[in-house]
Amino acid sequence: MKCQEVIIVGIPATTDTSKKVWDDLKEKYDKASAASVFLEICKVFSFQLSGGDSTSEIQKLAAMFARLEQHGFTIPDFIQASILIITIPQKWDQILTWLLSYYLLDKLKYGIVANTIIGEHQCLAEVS
């Protein structure tokens, strides 16, 4: 591997194994910056379902949540479900009405919302 000289200078000469060097470098540099986490949060809050292929779009949003979690920023499932509900296109308002009338707040989960949206999209595709 190749490192910049400024990084190499920071590696103690007494380090006895390459694994130890690697572990130390990972500990020092494998952290998400506030800017990268903020950028991911912005992507999540600006996400919108198009009304097209809901499965791939919902997977894209789930991947955004997963990246945030990898960076140590976990969004509770109910909040993830709420964010997904907010992204529902206006033409699918009946999904929003049904979800909010059928489920209690503590039972509303991301998977339930995702499956409901995907199911509705599939039903509409079959009718067309």
Protein backbone atom coordinates (compact mmCIF):
# COMPACT_ATOMS: atom_id res chain seq x y z
CA MET A 1 0.00 0.00 0.00
CA LYS A 2 0.97 3.58 -0.41
CA CYS A 3 0.44 6.31 2.16
CA GLN A 4 1.15 9.98 2.06
CA GLU A 5 4.34 10.92 3.85
CA VAL A 6 2.43 12.91 6.46
CA ILE A 7 0.65 9.69 7.48
CA ILE A 8 3.80 7.53 7.41
CA VAL A 9 5.58 9.97 9.72
CA GLY A 10 2.79 9.46 12.25
CA ILE A 11 3.32 5.68 12.43
CA PRO A 12 5.53 4.85 15.42
CA ALA A 13 8.74 3.03 14.44
CA THR A 14 8.17 0.65 17.34
CA THR A 15 5.03 -0.80 15.79
CA ASP A 16 5.89 -4.47 15.35
CA THR A 17 3.27 -5.81 12.88
CA SER A 18 1.56 -4.56 9.77
CA LYS A 19 -1.78 -5.55 11.32
CA LYS A 20 -1.10 -3.22 14.24
CA VAL A 21 -0.25 -0.41 11.79
CA TRP A 22 -3.43 -1.11 9.83
CA ASP A 23 -5.58 -1.25 12.99
CA ASP A 24 -4.12 2.03 14.23
CA LEU A 25 -4.70 3.74 10.86
CA LYS A 26 -8.26 2.42 10.73
CA GLU A 27 -8.94 3.67 14.26
CA LYS A 28 -7.59 7.10 13.39
CA TYR A 29 -9.04 7.65 9.90
CA ASP A 30 -12.07 5.38 9.47
CA LYS A 31 -14.58 7.86 10.81
CA ALA A 32 -17.31 9.72 9.04
CA SER A 33 -16.96 13.45 9.03
CA ALA A 34 -19.79 15.66 10.15
CA ALA A 35 -20.02 16.91 6.56
CA SER A 36 -20.49 13.42 5.09
CA VAL A 37 -23.18 12.51 7.65
CA PHE A 38 -24.93 15.83 7.08
CA LEU A 39 -24.87 15.23 3.31
CA GLU A 40 -26.50 11.80 3.79
CA ILE A 41 -29.16 13.32 6.05
CA CYS A 42 -29.89 15.95 3.39
CA LYS A 43 -30.26 13.21 0.77
CA VAL A 44 -32.72 11.36 3.01
CA PHE A 45 -34.85 14.43 3.66
CA SER A 46 -34.91 15.49 0.02
CA PHE A 47 -35.79 11.98 -1.23
CA GLN A 48 -39.10 11.68 -3.10
CA LEU A 49 -40.85 8.68 -4.61
CA SER A 50 -41.57 9.32 -8.28
CA GLY A 51 -44.64 7.13 -8.57
CA GLY A 52 -42.66 4.85 -10.88
CA ASP A 53 -40.73 1.74 -9.82
CA SER A 54 -41.33 1.94 -6.09
CA THR A 55 -39.28 -1.17 -5.25
CA SER A 56 -35.95 0.20 -6.46
CA GLU A 57 -36.68 3.65 -5.07
CA ILE A 58 -37.52 2.24 -1.63
CA GLN A 59 -34.33 0.16 -1.72
CA LYS A 60 -32.38 3.33 -2.52
CA LEU A 61 -33.85 5.06 0.56
CA ALA A 62 -33.11 1.98 2.71
CA ALA A 63 -29.50 2.11 1.48
CA MET A 64 -29.29 5.76 2.59
CA PHE A 65 -30.48 4.77 6.07
CA ALA A 66 -27.92 1.93 6.11
CA ARG A 67 -25.08 4.33 5.20
CA LEU A 68 -26.09 6.64 8.03
CA GLU A 69 -26.10 3.71 10.43
CA GLN A 70 -22.62 2.67 9.24
CA HIS A 71 -21.50 6.17 10.17
CA GLY A 72 -22.96 5.76 13.66
CA PHE A 73 -26.14 7.75 13.03
CA THR A 74 -29.13 5.48 13.61
CA ILE A 75 -32.60 6.74 12.77
CA PRO A 76 -35.36 4.94 14.72
CA ASP A 77 -37.65 2.70 12.67
CA PHE A 78 -40.73 4.85 13.28
CA ILE A 79 -38.89 7.94 11.99
CA GLN A 80 -37.70 5.97 8.94
CA ALA A 81 -41.33 4.94 8.35
CA SER A 82 -42.45 8.55 8.73
CA ILE A 83 -39.84 9.76 6.26
CA LEU A 84 -40.98 7.13 3.76
CA ILE A 85 -44.62 8.20 4.26
CA ILE A 86 -43.66 11.81 3.53
CA THR A 87 -42.18 10.70 0.19
CA ILE A 88 -45.46 9.18 -1.06
CA PRO A 89 -46.65 10.94 -4.23
CA GLN A 90 -49.88 12.90 -3.89
CA LYS A 91 -51.63 10.54 -6.31
CA TRP A 92 -51.22 7.79 -3.67
CA ASP A 93 -52.76 9.75 -0.79
CA GLN A 94 -55.06 6.79 -0.08
CA ILE A 95 -51.99 4.83 1.11
CA LEU A 96 -51.15 7.57 3.58
CA THR A 97 -54.72 7.72 4.86
CA TRP A 98 -54.92 3.94 5.25
CA LEU A 99 -51.56 3.58 7.00
CA LEU A 100 -52.23 6.37 9.48
CA SER A 101 -55.74 5.15 10.29
CA TYR A 102 -54.86 1.43 10.52
CA TYR A 103 -51.60 1.47 12.51
CA LEU A 104 -50.89 2.90 15.94
CA LEU A 105 -47.79 5.08 16.04
CA ASP A 106 -45.67 2.51 17.87
CA LYS A 107 -46.61 -0.20 15.33
CA LEU A 108 -45.84 1.80 12.20
CA LYS A 109 -42.56 0.39 10.85
CA TYR A 110 -40.49 1.07 7.73
CA GLY A 111 -41.09 -2.45 6.36
CA ILE A 112 -44.85 -2.12 6.69
CA VAL A 113 -44.87 1.22 4.86
CA ALA A 114 -42.50 -0.08 2.16
CA ASN A 115 -44.56 -3.23 1.55
CA THR A 116 -47.79 -1.23 1.40
CA ILE A 117 -46.36 1.19 -1.17
CA ILE A 118 -44.90 -1.63 -3.27
CA GLY A 119 -48.19 -3.53 -3.13
CA GLU A 120 -50.16 -0.47 -4.20
CA HIS A 121 -47.76 0.18 -7.07
CA GLN A 122 -48.10 -3.44 -8.24
CA CYS A 123 -51.92 -3.27 -8.06
CA LEU A 124 -51.97 -0.04 -10.06
CA ALA A 125 -49.60 -1.56 -12.64
CA GLU A 126 -51.88 -4.58 -13.08
CA VAL A 127 -54.94 -2.37 -13.59
CA SER A 128 -53.20 -0.23 -16.23
